[in-house]
Structures are given as structure tokens and as C-alpha cells.
Amino acid sequence: MLHQQVFKGTLTAGEVVAIKRAQHGSMQGAFEFKTEIELLSRIHHKNVVSLVGFCYEQGEQMLVYEYIPKGTLRESLSVKPKFQLEWTRRLKIALDAARGLAYLHELADPPIIHRDVKSNNILLDDHLTAKVADFGLSKLLRDEDKGHVTTQVKGTLGYLDPEYYMSQQLTEKSDVYSFGVVLLELITARAPIERGKHIVRLVAETIYDSKDNSKLYQLIDPRIGPGSKLEGVDRLFTLGMRCVNESGAERPSMGEAVKEIESILGLASLSKYTEGDLTSSSYEDTTQVSLDDFYNDKAFDYSGKFPSGGMNTTY
């Protein structure tokens, strides 16, 4: 959200909260303020940040959320993070975020399209459970919308679905694209756009050039160990690239992404998590697609490359 400040506070009952305050008199802040109240008051999920309350008087607009102490996923992937994220923890964060988004898309009534999925909008609590946050740009997908909402393009550069940008038709698959970028961030710890190159194109070109995945493994964040020894890393790369397919119809749903990440976690033999935490009651093995099958020389023509002008972005 633009024009905002976030403060840490304590309620009279002792509960620690985060208070997001819009800039005084901000019209855009007022619209996003209203949107967040409407959406968060109707959804309740352990992987979606909770709204505790709000204040709207004397020109002040404040949203009060549960306090999430470990900050954003982007901060934890930075050059000098406050704590290290090992491989299985990154997989669990990916699963948490995927579950939160799948809830919004598939169980919320009507479905909710987040429209600004990014690592800065995924928060980590004391147990490093990930929660999707910041619904100021979100849209409800009502029955009469026929699967998409035609709307002014908004989002964050680097995460923005190129199909949505070109058509102005917002669908759940736009969130899937953004989530795919987050998956690539989790593996590589690179920013979506770094040194003028989009992470999607970087990974795609590396896949194309890598006969045995050795070059692809060089992209992996060295803090989580050798790529060849990370159980499931190939599959997570594949899932990330499926999510950022230029065609929304070719991307998986968030529910399908949840099942695939559950499967990767299962293969990683995470004994510290219970079977109930790792598996979906409706689990069906998803069709496996090789990384090589994914690339062709036109697949990422628009990835990370947008015409100048005409787009609102948030940072």
C-alpha cells in the first residue's frame, strides 16, 4: 500500500499489534483502507494475517493487525538476514504461502485475488509460519465476473503477470504468476529484478544452457547448501517455472501448487512435521514436467519486460 506507516503497539489487554496508518487525507489510502477491512473481516486462515480492528475518525485511517515479529520473507532472504533459512524451512514457508493463497482462491466466498503477491507481503511469525498480508489492492471475484475482473493494472514490478498487464483481465492465475516469482526467490535469494535482468528470464536461460542442471544449481542461494544435495530442488524449480508460464491457462492452480509442495516436503523426509501437516486429504500426485520441457525460445518474451508508462506500481 502506498502512503503508509507501520507502528508496533500494545492494546490495553496486553496484546502486541501492528498498526498501519495511512497518510492523512490520502484518497488512495482511503480506498485501500476500505478494501482491507472488507476483505479481512470475512477471511480467517492461519496463513493469512488477521485484522484485529481499525480506526476511522478525525481524518485518521488505521488498520490494526496481529503482530508478526520475524518480519517479511524478503528481509529473511537479504544479504544480511537476522536468521538463516535452511532448505526444509524454505519449503515449509512456500507451503504456508501457497495454502494461504489457495484459501483465498478456492475457499473464500466469493474468491479473492490478492493482486500484490510478493516476498515483502509474506510475513513470518515466531515459529516462522508464513502469512499472506496486505490486501489493499485485492479484488473479489464474483459470479458475474466469469472468471476474471477487467481492471486497471496494479501490482509490483518484477511480480506482475505479463498476461494481466497486456489484457487488463485479472484472474487467480495472476496471483499464481507472482507466487512463482516468490518460489524462485526462495531458491535463489535473488531479487525479482537484479542488474536489469528478471529472475524468470535468468532461470529460463540457465535451464536452456544447462545440460545436467549444474549451471542451474549455481543459482541456488549458497547459504542452503549444494544444489545437487537438496532433495526436491529440481521439482521446486519446475513448479516455479510452471507458475510463471506466460499463458495463465498453462499455470497450475494454487491448490495444485499446494499438493506439489506437499509432495516435495514428503520426499524430503521431514520427520519433524506430522503427517497431517504435510499431506492433503485429497492428495493426488501431480503430473511431473521436466525443466527441459518447459523452455522454448518464445516462452518468456514478456517476462520482466514491460512497455513504459501506464502502470501503477507499489513498493
C-alpha atoms as a PDB file:
ATOM      1  CA  MET A   1       0.000   0.000   0.000  1.00  0.00           C
ATOM      2  CA  LEU A   2       1.220   3.500  -0.725  1.00  0.00           C
ATOM      3  CA  HIS A   3       1.347   6.436   1.724  1.00  0.00           C
ATOM      4  CA  GLN A   4       1.524   4.398   4.909  1.00  0.00           C
ATOM      5  CA  GLN A   5       3.456   3.968   8.104  1.00  0.00           C
ATOM      6  CA  VAL A   6       3.525   0.856  10.281  1.00  0.00           C
ATOM      7  CA  PHE A   7       3.918   1.027  14.060  1.00  0.00           C
ATOM      8  CA  LYS A   8       4.200  -1.560  16.808  1.00  0.00           C
ATOM      9  CA  GLY A   9       1.721  -1.090  19.631  1.00  0.00           C
ATOM     10  CA  THR A  10       0.163  -2.766  22.666  1.00  0.00           C
ATOM     11  CA  LEU A  11      -3.560  -2.927  23.395  1.00  0.00           C
ATOM     12  CA  THR A  12      -4.905  -2.392  26.915  1.00  0.00           C
ATOM     13  CA  ALA A  13      -5.325  -6.181  27.283  1.00  0.00           C
ATOM     14  CA  GLY A  14      -1.608  -6.591  26.586  1.00  0.00           C
ATOM     15  CA  GLU A  15      -1.839  -7.900  23.021  1.00  0.00           C
ATOM     16  CA  VAL A  16       1.014  -6.698  20.799  1.00  0.00           C
ATOM     17  CA  VAL A  17      -0.225  -5.445  17.434  1.00  0.00           C
ATOM     18  CA  ALA A  18       0.957  -3.827  14.209  1.00  0.00           C
ATOM     19  CA  ILE A  19      -0.762  -0.547  13.321  1.00  0.00           C
ATOM     20  CA  LYS A  20      -0.791   0.577   9.713  1.00  0.00           C
ATOM     21  CA  ARG A  21      -1.533   4.271   9.408  1.00  0.00           C
ATOM     22  CA  ALA A  22      -2.445   5.864   6.073  1.00  0.00           C
ATOM     23  CA  GLN A  23      -1.120   9.303   5.251  1.00  0.00           C
ATOM     24  CA  HIS A  24      -3.561  11.952   6.430  1.00  0.00           C
ATOM     25  CA  GLY A  25      -6.033  12.833   3.676  1.00  0.00           C
ATOM     26  CA  SER A  26      -4.782  10.191   1.237  1.00  0.00           C
ATOM     27  CA  MET A  27      -7.620   9.242  -1.156  1.00  0.00           C
ATOM     28  CA  GLN A  28      -5.814   6.162  -2.417  1.00  0.00           C
ATOM     29  CA  GLY A  29      -5.113   5.213   1.194  1.00  0.00           C
ATOM     30  CA  ALA A  30      -8.829   5.577   1.989  1.00  0.00           C
ATOM     31  CA  PHE A  31      -9.809   3.222  -0.843  1.00  0.00           C
ATOM     32  CA  GLU A  32      -7.236   0.605   0.125  1.00  0.00           C
ATOM     33  CA  PHE A  33      -8.189   1.032   3.798  1.00  0.00           C
ATOM     34  CA  LYS A  34     -11.821   0.191   2.992  1.00  0.00           C
ATOM     35  CA  THR A  35     -10.784  -2.746   0.782  1.00  0.00           C
ATOM     36  CA  GLU A  36      -8.652  -4.336   3.501  1.00  0.00           C
ATOM     37  CA  ILE A  37     -11.405  -4.039   6.115  1.00  0.00           C
ATOM     38  CA  GLU A  38     -13.994  -5.588   3.790  1.00  0.00           C
ATOM     39  CA  LEU A  39     -11.766  -8.483   2.790  1.00  0.00           C
ATOM     40  CA  LEU A  40     -10.016  -9.316   6.060  1.00  0.00           C
ATOM     41  CA  SER A  41     -13.236  -9.200   8.058  1.00  0.00           C
ATOM     42  CA  ARG A  42     -14.546 -12.154   6.030  1.00  0.00           C
ATOM     43  CA  ILE A  43     -11.490 -14.426   5.951  1.00  0.00           C
ATOM     44  CA  HIS A  44      -9.843 -16.455   8.698  1.00  0.00           C
ATOM     45  CA  HIS A  45      -6.897 -18.733   7.974  1.00  0.00           C
ATOM     46  CA  LYS A  46      -3.655 -19.474   9.812  1.00  0.00           C
ATOM     47  CA  ASN A  47      -1.657 -18.443   6.728  1.00  0.00           C
ATOM     48  CA  VAL A  48      -3.416 -15.094   6.253  1.00  0.00           C
ATOM     49  CA  VAL A  49      -2.636 -12.175   8.577  1.00  0.00           C
ATOM     50  CA  SER A  50      -5.511 -11.376  10.963  1.00  0.00           C
ATOM     51  CA  LEU A  51      -7.193  -7.984  11.270  1.00  0.00           C
ATOM     52  CA  VAL A  52      -7.693  -7.081  14.941  1.00  0.00           C
ATOM     53  CA  GLY A  53      -9.527  -3.787  14.393  1.00  0.00           C
ATOM     54  CA  PHE A  54      -9.438  -0.363  12.795  1.00  0.00           C
ATOM     55  CA  CYS A  55      -9.791   3.341  13.494  1.00  0.00           C
ATOM     56  CA  TYR A  56     -11.512   5.826  11.176  1.00  0.00           C
ATOM     57  CA  GLU A  57     -12.131   9.202  12.788  1.00  0.00           C
ATOM     58  CA  GLN A  58     -10.868  12.779  12.618  1.00  0.00           C
ATOM     59  CA  GLY A  59      -9.247  12.032   9.270  1.00  0.00           C
ATOM     60  CA  GLU A  60      -7.187   9.152  10.672  1.00  0.00           C
ATOM     61  CA  GLN A  61      -7.199   5.763   8.940  1.00  0.00           C
ATOM     62  CA  MET A  62      -5.546   2.993  10.926  1.00  0.00           C
ATOM     63  CA  LEU A  63      -5.652  -0.762  10.499  1.00  0.00           C
ATOM     64  CA  VAL A  64      -4.685  -2.922  13.481  1.00  0.00           C
ATOM     65  CA  TYR A  65      -3.232  -6.370  12.726  1.00  0.00           C
ATOM     66  CA  GLU A  66      -1.782  -9.234  14.699  1.00  0.00           C
ATOM     67  CA  TYR A  67       1.898  -8.514  15.206  1.00  0.00           C
ATOM     68  CA  ILE A  68       4.169 -10.736  13.102  1.00  0.00           C
ATOM     69  CA  PRO A  69       7.598 -10.487  14.781  1.00  0.00           C
ATOM     70  CA  LYS A  70      10.015 -12.004  12.265  1.00  0.00           C
ATOM     71  CA  GLY A  71       9.274  -9.509   9.504  1.00  0.00           C
ATOM     72  CA  THR A  72       8.988 -10.140   5.785  1.00  0.00           C
ATOM     73  CA  LEU A  73      10.237 -13.052   3.730  1.00  0.00           C
ATOM     74  CA  ARG A  74      12.215 -10.579   1.619  1.00  0.00           C
ATOM     75  CA  GLU A  75      14.130  -9.445   4.717  1.00  0.00           C
ATOM     76  CA  SER A  76      14.951 -13.042   5.636  1.00  0.00           C
ATOM     77  CA  LEU A  77      16.403 -13.608   2.140  1.00  0.00           C
ATOM     78  CA  SER A  78      18.538 -10.456   2.246  1.00  0.00           C
ATOM     79  CA  VAL A  79      22.327 -10.359   2.191  1.00  0.00           C
ATOM     80  CA  LYS A  80      22.487  -9.968   5.974  1.00  0.00           C
ATOM     81  CA  PRO A  81      19.350 -11.617   7.368  1.00  0.00           C
ATOM     82  CA  LYS A  82      18.603 -11.729  11.097  1.00  0.00           C
ATOM     83  CA  PHE A  83      18.372 -15.539  10.866  1.00  0.00           C
ATOM     84  CA  GLN A  84      19.192 -18.224   8.309  1.00  0.00           C
ATOM     85  CA  LEU A  85      16.529 -20.216   6.463  1.00  0.00           C
ATOM     86  CA  GLU A  86      17.618 -23.771   5.752  1.00  0.00           C
ATOM     87  CA  TRP A  87      16.136 -25.753   2.862  1.00  0.00           C
ATOM     88  CA  THR A  88      13.282 -27.536   4.608  1.00  0.00           C
ATOM     89  CA  ARG A  89      12.203 -24.306   6.294  1.00  0.00           C
ATOM     90  CA  ARG A  90      12.042 -22.600   2.909  1.00  0.00           C
ATOM     91  CA  LEU A  91       9.865 -25.435   1.628  1.00  0.00           C
ATOM     92  CA  LYS A  92       7.556 -25.030   4.625  1.00  0.00           C
ATOM     93  CA  ILE A  93       7.316 -21.263   4.020  1.00  0.00           C
ATOM     94  CA  ALA A  94       6.442 -21.954   0.370  1.00  0.00           C
ATOM     95  CA  LEU A  95       3.732 -24.359   1.520  1.00  0.00           C
ATOM     96  CA  ASP A  96       2.322 -21.901   4.062  1.00  0.00           C
ATOM     97  CA  ALA A  97       2.080 -19.108   1.493  1.00  0.00           C
ATOM     98  CA  ALA A  98       0.575 -21.453  -1.092  1.00  0.00           C
ATOM     99  CA  ARG A  99      -2.055 -22.622   1.401  1.00  0.00           C
ATOM    100  CA  GLY A 100      -2.977 -19.040   2.253  1.00  0.00           C
ATOM    101  CA  LEU A 101      -3.430 -18.141  -1.408  1.00  0.00           C
ATOM    102  CA  ALA A 102      -5.293 -21.370  -2.178  1.00  0.00           C
ATOM    103  CA  TYR A 103      -7.700 -20.497   0.620  1.00  0.00           C
ATOM    104  CA  LEU A 104      -8.329 -17.068  -0.901  1.00  0.00           C
ATOM    105  CA  HIS A 105      -8.886 -18.513  -4.376  1.00  0.00           C
ATOM    106  CA  GLU A 106     -10.765 -21.707  -3.621  1.00  0.00           C
ATOM    107  CA  LEU A 107     -12.467 -21.480  -0.231  1.00  0.00           C
ATOM    108  CA  ALA A 108     -13.248 -17.789   0.309  1.00  0.00           C
ATOM    109  CA  ASP A 109     -16.752 -16.871  -0.873  1.00  0.00           C
ATOM    110  CA  PRO A 110     -16.555 -15.021  -3.170  1.00  0.00           C
ATOM    111  CA  PRO A 111     -12.971 -15.850  -4.168  1.00  0.00           C
ATOM    112  CA  ILE A 112     -10.315 -13.196  -3.552  1.00  0.00           C
ATOM    113  CA  ILE A 113      -7.478 -12.296  -5.914  1.00  0.00           C
ATOM    114  CA  HIS A 114      -4.654 -10.778  -3.885  1.00  0.00           C
ATOM    115  CA  ARG A 115      -3.111  -8.812  -6.798  1.00  0.00           C
ATOM    116  CA  ASP A 116       0.141  -7.963  -4.987  1.00  0.00           C
ATOM    117  CA  VAL A 117       1.755 -11.277  -4.013  1.00  0.00           C
ATOM    118  CA  LYS A 118       5.444 -10.689  -3.276  1.00  0.00           C
ATOM    119  CA  SER A 119       8.045 -11.609  -0.686  1.00  0.00           C
ATOM    120  CA  ASN A 120       7.503  -8.277   1.102  1.00  0.00           C
ATOM    121  CA  ASN A 121       3.844  -9.257   1.612  1.00  0.00           C
ATOM    122  CA  ILE A 122       4.636 -12.642   3.146  1.00  0.00           C
ATOM    123  CA  LEU A 123       5.287 -12.276   6.881  1.00  0.00           C
ATOM    124  CA  LEU A 124       6.937 -14.750   9.276  1.00  0.00           C
ATOM    125  CA  ASP A 125       5.815 -15.277  12.857  1.00  0.00           C
ATOM    126  CA  ASP A 126       7.833 -16.518  15.840  1.00  0.00           C
ATOM    127  CA  HIS A 127       7.600 -20.108  14.564  1.00  0.00           C
ATOM    128  CA  LEU A 128       8.493 -18.971  11.013  1.00  0.00           C
ATOM    129  CA  THR A 129       4.970 -19.754   9.876  1.00  0.00           C
ATOM    130  CA  ALA A 130       4.282 -17.681   6.768  1.00  0.00           C
ATOM    131  CA  LYS A 131       1.224 -15.441   6.497  1.00  0.00           C
ATOM    132  CA  VAL A 132      -0.011 -13.590   3.415  1.00  0.00           C
ATOM    133  CA  ALA A 133      -0.518  -9.886   4.143  1.00  0.00           C
ATOM    134  CA  ASP A 134      -1.526  -6.524   2.608  1.00  0.00           C
ATOM    135  CA  PHE A 135      -4.873  -6.732   0.830  1.00  0.00           C
ATOM    136  CA  GLY A 136      -5.142  -3.100  -0.231  1.00  0.00           C
ATOM    137  CA  LEU A 137      -5.070  -3.976  -3.951  1.00  0.00           C
ATOM    138  CA  SER A 138      -7.142  -7.161  -3.711  1.00  0.00           C
ATOM    139  CA  LYS A 139     -10.278  -7.897  -5.726  1.00  0.00           C
ATOM    140  CA  LEU A 140     -13.323 -10.079  -5.131  1.00  0.00           C
ATOM    141  CA  LEU A 141     -14.179 -12.446  -7.980  1.00  0.00           C
ATOM    142  CA  ARG A 142     -17.969 -12.545  -8.056  1.00  0.00           C
ATOM    143  CA  ASP A 143     -20.107 -14.976 -10.065  1.00  0.00           C
ATOM    144  CA  GLU A 144     -20.935 -12.355 -12.666  1.00  0.00           C
ATOM    145  CA  ASP A 145     -17.217 -11.760 -13.335  1.00  0.00           C
ATOM    146  CA  LYS A 146     -16.962 -15.025 -15.353  1.00  0.00           C
ATOM    147  CA  GLY A 147     -13.512 -15.940 -14.099  1.00  0.00           C
ATOM    148  CA  HIS A 148     -11.799 -12.573 -14.464  1.00  0.00           C
ATOM    149  CA  VAL A 149     -12.047  -8.933 -13.459  1.00  0.00           C
ATOM    150  CA  THR A 150     -11.285  -6.235 -16.020  1.00  0.00           C
ATOM    151  CA  THR A 151      -9.428  -3.612 -14.051  1.00  0.00           C
ATOM    152  CA  GLN A 152      -6.674  -1.022 -14.166  1.00  0.00           C
ATOM    153  CA  VAL A 153      -3.320  -2.774 -13.910  1.00  0.00           C
ATOM    154  CA  LYS A 154      -1.756  -2.508 -10.468  1.00  0.00           C
ATOM    155  CA  GLY A 155       0.923  -4.514  -8.734  1.00  0.00           C
ATOM    156  CA  THR A 156       4.659  -4.526  -8.177  1.00  0.00           C
ATOM    157  CA  LEU A 157       7.277  -4.599 -10.921  1.00  0.00           C
ATOM    158  CA  GLY A 158       9.022  -7.951 -11.046  1.00  0.00           C
ATOM    159  CA  TYR A 159       5.960  -9.835  -9.812  1.00  0.00           C
ATOM    160  CA  LEU A 160       3.379  -8.555 -12.276  1.00  0.00           C
ATOM    161  CA  ASP A 161       1.725 -11.150 -14.517  1.00  0.00           C
ATOM    162  CA  PRO A 162       2.545 -10.182 -18.146  1.00  0.00           C
ATOM    163  CA  GLU A 163      -0.770 -11.624 -19.383  1.00  0.00           C
ATOM    164  CA  TYR A 164      -2.680  -9.423 -16.936  1.00  0.00           C
ATOM    165  CA  TYR A 165      -0.572  -6.447 -17.976  1.00  0.00           C
ATOM    166  CA  MET A 166      -1.338  -6.958 -21.661  1.00  0.00           C
ATOM    167  CA  SER A 167      -5.067  -7.811 -21.324  1.00  0.00           C
ATOM    168  CA  GLN A 168      -6.043  -5.903 -18.141  1.00  0.00           C
ATOM    169  CA  GLN A 169      -8.021  -9.046 -17.235  1.00  0.00           C
ATOM    170  CA  LEU A 170      -7.200 -10.105 -13.675  1.00  0.00           C
ATOM    171  CA  THR A 171      -7.601 -13.792 -12.723  1.00  0.00           C
ATOM    172  CA  GLU A 172      -6.418 -16.087  -9.940  1.00  0.00           C
ATOM    173  CA  LYS A 173      -3.626 -17.127 -12.302  1.00  0.00           C
ATOM    174  CA  SER A 174      -2.175 -13.627 -11.930  1.00  0.00           C
ATOM    175  CA  ASP A 175      -1.502 -14.456  -8.270  1.00  0.00           C
ATOM    176  CA  VAL A 176      -0.049 -17.802  -9.384  1.00  0.00           C
ATOM    177  CA  TYR A 177       2.472 -15.982 -11.589  1.00  0.00           C
ATOM    178  CA  SER A 178       3.545 -13.762  -8.681  1.00  0.00           C
ATOM    179  CA  PHE A 179       3.801 -16.796  -6.408  1.00  0.00           C
ATOM    180  CA  GLY A 180       6.077 -18.455  -8.969  1.00  0.00           C
ATOM    181  CA  VAL A 181       8.432 -15.476  -8.740  1.00  0.00           C
ATOM    182  CA  VAL A 182       8.411 -15.862  -4.936  1.00  0.00           C
ATOM    183  CA  LEU A 183       9.355 -19.552  -5.309  1.00  0.00           C
ATOM    184  CA  LEU A 184      12.341 -18.584  -7.450  1.00  0.00           C
ATOM    185  CA  GLU A 185      13.297 -16.019  -4.784  1.00  0.00           C
ATOM    186  CA  LEU A 186      13.125 -18.684  -2.080  1.00  0.00           C
ATOM    187  CA  ILE A 187      15.523 -20.923  -4.007  1.00  0.00           C
ATOM    188  CA  THR A 188      17.979 -18.269  -5.166  1.00  0.00           C
ATOM    189  CA  ALA A 189      17.542 -15.407  -2.637  1.00  0.00           C
ATOM    190  CA  ARG A 190      17.785 -13.057  -5.638  1.00  0.00           C
ATOM    191  CA  ALA A 191      15.510 -10.063  -6.091  1.00  0.00           C
ATOM    192  CA  PRO A 192      12.908 -10.353  -8.894  1.00  0.00           C
ATOM    193  CA  ILE A 193      14.833  -7.823 -10.972  1.00  0.00           C
ATOM    194  CA  GLU A 194      18.567  -7.741 -10.392  1.00  0.00           C
ATOM    195  CA  ARG A 195      21.144  -5.933 -12.530  1.00  0.00           C
ATOM    196  CA  GLY A 196      18.489  -5.273 -15.128  1.00  0.00           C
ATOM    197  CA  LYS A 197      17.502  -8.928 -15.600  1.00  0.00           C
ATOM    198  CA  HIS A 198      14.244 -10.524 -14.488  1.00  0.00           C
ATOM    199  CA  ILE A 199      14.655 -13.659 -12.362  1.00  0.00           C
ATOM    200  CA  VAL A 200      12.269 -15.597 -14.637  1.00  0.00           C
ATOM    201  CA  ARG A 201      14.399 -14.938 -17.707  1.00  0.00           C
ATOM    202  CA  LEU A 202      17.605 -15.672 -15.783  1.00  0.00           C
ATOM    203  CA  VAL A 203      16.327 -19.085 -14.681  1.00  0.00           C
ATOM    204  CA  ALA A 204      14.863 -19.869 -18.120  1.00  0.00           C
ATOM    205  CA  GLU A 205      18.129 -19.063 -19.891  1.00  0.00           C
ATOM    206  CA  THR A 206      20.109 -21.085 -17.349  1.00  0.00           C
ATOM    207  CA  ILE A 207      17.828 -24.092 -17.848  1.00  0.00           C
ATOM    208  CA  TYR A 208      18.302 -23.819 -21.592  1.00  0.00           C
ATOM    209  CA  ASP A 209      22.096 -23.660 -21.249  1.00  0.00           C
ATOM    210  CA  SER A 210      22.412 -26.356 -18.578  1.00  0.00           C
ATOM    211  CA  LYS A 211      22.689 -29.951 -19.825  1.00  0.00           C
ATOM    212  CA  ASP A 212      22.902 -31.544 -16.385  1.00  0.00           C
ATOM    213  CA  ASN A 213      21.452 -28.774 -14.172  1.00  0.00           C
ATOM    214  CA  SER A 214      24.944 -27.849 -12.951  1.00  0.00           C
ATOM    215  CA  LYS A 215      24.533 -24.237 -14.084  1.00  0.00           C
ATOM    216  CA  LEU A 216      21.059 -24.139 -12.564  1.00  0.00           C
ATOM    217  CA  TYR A 217      22.458 -25.267  -9.209  1.00  0.00           C
ATOM    218  CA  GLN A 218      24.840 -22.295  -9.308  1.00  0.00           C
ATOM    219  CA  LEU A 219      21.809 -20.005  -8.980  1.00  0.00           C
ATOM    220  CA  ILE A 220      20.816 -21.562  -5.650  1.00  0.00           C
ATOM    221  CA  ASP A 221      21.411 -19.490  -2.530  1.00  0.00           C
ATOM    222  CA  PRO A 222      24.748 -20.893  -1.248  1.00  0.00           C
ATOM    223  CA  ARG A 223      23.559 -20.492   2.346  1.00  0.00           C
ATOM    224  CA  ILE A 224      21.304 -23.544   1.970  1.00  0.00           C
ATOM    225  CA  GLY A 225      23.977 -25.962   0.731  1.00  0.00           C
ATOM    226  CA  PRO A 226      24.927 -27.660  -2.545  1.00  0.00           C
ATOM    227  CA  GLY A 227      22.045 -27.786  -5.018  1.00  0.00           C
ATOM    228  CA  SER A 228      22.701 -31.373  -6.022  1.00  0.00           C
ATOM    229  CA  LYS A 229      22.077 -32.455  -2.428  1.00  0.00           C
ATOM    230  CA  LEU A 230      18.860 -30.505  -1.813  1.00  0.00           C
ATOM    231  CA  GLU A 231      16.023 -33.019  -2.002  1.00  0.00           C
ATOM    232  CA  GLY A 232      13.297 -31.732  -4.310  1.00  0.00           C
ATOM    233  CA  VAL A 233      15.069 -28.589  -5.539  1.00  0.00           C
ATOM    234  CA  ASP A 234      14.638 -29.627  -9.192  1.00  0.00           C
ATOM    235  CA  ARG A 235      10.912 -30.091  -8.625  1.00  0.00           C
ATOM    236  CA  LEU A 236      10.577 -26.725  -6.894  1.00  0.00           C
ATOM    237  CA  PHE A 237      12.370 -25.032  -9.788  1.00  0.00           C
ATOM    238  CA  THR A 238       9.967 -26.812 -12.143  1.00  0.00           C
ATOM    239  CA  LEU A 239       6.941 -25.705 -10.140  1.00  0.00           C
ATOM    240  CA  GLY A 240       8.181 -22.124 -10.073  1.00  0.00           C
ATOM    241  CA  MET A 241       8.586 -22.132 -13.850  1.00  0.00           C
ATOM    242  CA  ARG A 242       5.152 -23.699 -14.345  1.00  0.00           C
ATOM    243  CA  CYS A 243       3.669 -20.897 -12.244  1.00  0.00           C
ATOM    244  CA  VAL A 244       5.318 -18.197 -14.386  1.00  0.00           C
ATOM    245  CA  ASN A 245       4.249 -19.684 -17.702  1.00  0.00           C
ATOM    246  CA  GLU A 246       3.341 -16.785 -19.979  1.00  0.00           C
ATOM    247  CA  SER A 247      -0.094 -18.314 -20.576  1.00  0.00           C
ATOM    248  CA  GLY A 248      -2.313 -18.250 -17.495  1.00  0.00           C
ATOM    249  CA  ALA A 249      -4.178 -21.325 -18.741  1.00  0.00           C
ATOM    250  CA  GLU A 250      -0.921 -23.315 -18.587  1.00  0.00           C
ATOM    251  CA  ARG A 251      -0.190 -22.363 -14.982  1.00  0.00           C
ATOM    252  CA  PRO A 252      -1.276 -24.638 -12.110  1.00  0.00           C
ATOM    253  CA  SER A 253      -3.941 -23.511  -9.681  1.00  0.00           C
ATOM    254  CA  MET A 254      -2.815 -22.626  -6.168  1.00  0.00           C
ATOM    255  CA  GLY A 255      -4.450 -25.834  -4.958  1.00  0.00           C
ATOM    256  CA  GLU A 256      -2.288 -27.824  -7.360  1.00  0.00           C
ATOM    257  CA  ALA A 257       0.777 -25.892  -6.196  1.00  0.00           C
ATOM    258  CA  VAL A 258      -0.067 -26.826  -2.588  1.00  0.00           C
ATOM    259  CA  LYS A 259      -0.197 -30.539  -3.465  1.00  0.00           C
ATOM    260  CA  GLU A 260       3.110 -30.414  -5.328  1.00  0.00           C
ATOM    261  CA  ILE A 261       4.901 -28.632  -2.464  1.00  0.00           C
ATOM    262  CA  GLU A 262       3.401 -31.135  -0.012  1.00  0.00           C
ATOM    263  CA  SER A 263       4.805 -33.907  -2.163  1.00  0.00           C
ATOM    264  CA  ILE A 264       8.249 -32.282  -2.274  1.00  0.00           C
ATOM    265  CA  LEU A 265       8.197 -31.965   1.518  1.00  0.00           C
ATOM    266  CA  GLY A 266       7.223 -35.602   1.813  1.00  0.00           C
ATOM    267  CA  LEU A 267      10.154 -36.655  -0.367  1.00  0.00           C
ATOM    268  CA  ALA A 268      12.456 -34.504   1.745  1.00  0.00           C
ATOM    269  CA  SER A 269      11.521 -36.785   4.671  1.00  0.00           C
ATOM    270  CA  LEU A 270      10.767 -34.038   7.137  1.00  0.00           C
ATOM    271  CA  SER A 271      10.324 -36.126  10.259  1.00  0.00           C
ATOM    272  CA  LYS A 272       9.849 -33.046  12.445  1.00  0.00           C
ATOM    273  CA  TYR A 273       6.459 -32.393  10.848  1.00  0.00           C
ATOM    274  CA  THR A 274       3.493 -34.652  11.416  1.00  0.00           C
ATOM    275  CA  GLU A 275       1.874 -36.489   8.540  1.00  0.00           C
ATOM    276  CA  GLY A 276      -1.205 -34.338   8.973  1.00  0.00           C
ATOM    277  CA  ASP A 277       0.854 -31.193   8.457  1.00  0.00           C
ATOM    278  CA  LEU A 278       2.400 -32.429   5.251  1.00  0.00           C
ATOM    279  CA  THR A 279      -0.336 -34.163   3.303  1.00  0.00           C
ATOM    280  CA  SER A 280      -3.574 -33.077   1.753  1.00  0.00           C
ATOM    281  CA  SER A 281      -6.601 -35.266   2.415  1.00  0.00           C
ATOM    282  CA  SER A 282      -7.394 -35.042  -1.280  1.00  0.00           C
ATOM    283  CA  TYR A 283      -3.799 -35.580  -2.440  1.00  0.00           C
ATOM    284  CA  GLU A 284      -3.316 -36.753  -5.978  1.00  0.00           C
ATOM    285  CA  ASP A 285       0.155 -36.905  -7.482  1.00  0.00           C
ATOM    286  CA  THR A 286       0.528 -34.085  -9.981  1.00  0.00           C
ATOM    287  CA  THR A 287       1.905 -34.745 -13.434  1.00  0.00           C
ATOM    288  CA  GLN A 288       5.643 -34.172 -13.468  1.00  0.00           C
ATOM    289  CA  VAL A 289       7.079 -31.870 -16.095  1.00  0.00           C
ATOM    290  CA  SER A 290      10.813 -31.774 -16.712  1.00  0.00           C
ATOM    291  CA  LEU A 291      12.637 -28.468 -16.684  1.00  0.00           C
ATOM    292  CA  ASP A 292      13.758 -29.041 -20.274  1.00  0.00           C
ATOM    293  CA  ASP A 293      10.149 -29.491 -21.398  1.00  0.00           C
ATOM    294  CA  PHE A 294       9.425 -26.068 -20.027  1.00  0.00           C
ATOM    295  CA  TYR A 295      11.642 -23.854 -22.107  1.00  0.00           C
ATOM    296  CA  ASN A 296      11.236 -22.622 -25.639  1.00  0.00           C
ATOM    297  CA  ASP A 297      12.750 -19.533 -27.205  1.00  0.00           C
ATOM    298  CA  LYS A 298       9.489 -17.541 -27.103  1.00  0.00           C
ATOM    299  CA  ALA A 299       8.153 -18.625 -23.726  1.00  0.00           C
ATOM    300  CA  PHE A 300       9.416 -15.620 -21.782  1.00  0.00           C
ATOM    301  CA  ASP A 301       9.289 -12.805 -24.331  1.00  0.00           C
ATOM    302  CA  TYR A 302       7.356 -10.581 -21.939  1.00  0.00           C
ATOM    303  CA  SER A 303       8.774 -11.738 -18.617  1.00  0.00           C
ATOM    304  CA  GLY A 304      10.246  -8.789 -16.802  1.00  0.00           C
ATOM    305  CA  LYS A 305       9.925  -6.556 -19.856  1.00  0.00           C
ATOM    306  CA  PHE A 306       7.011  -4.138 -19.881  1.00  0.00           C
ATOM    307  CA  PRO A 307       6.331  -1.139 -22.113  1.00  0.00           C
ATOM    308  CA  SER A 308       6.991   2.129 -20.319  1.00  0.00           C
ATOM    309  CA  GLY A 309       4.131   4.206 -18.925  1.00  0.00           C
ATOM    310  CA  GLY A 310       0.565   3.447 -17.970  1.00  0.00           C
ATOM    311  CA  MET A 311       1.176   1.234 -14.943  1.00  0.00           C
ATOM    312  CA  ASN A 312       0.690   1.915 -11.257  1.00  0.00           C
ATOM    313  CA  THR A 313       3.152   0.124  -9.021  1.00  0.00           C
ATOM    314  CA  THR A 314       3.539  -0.267  -5.289  1.00  0.00           C
ATOM    315  CA  TYR A 315       6.783  -0.670  -3.446  1.00  0.00           C
END
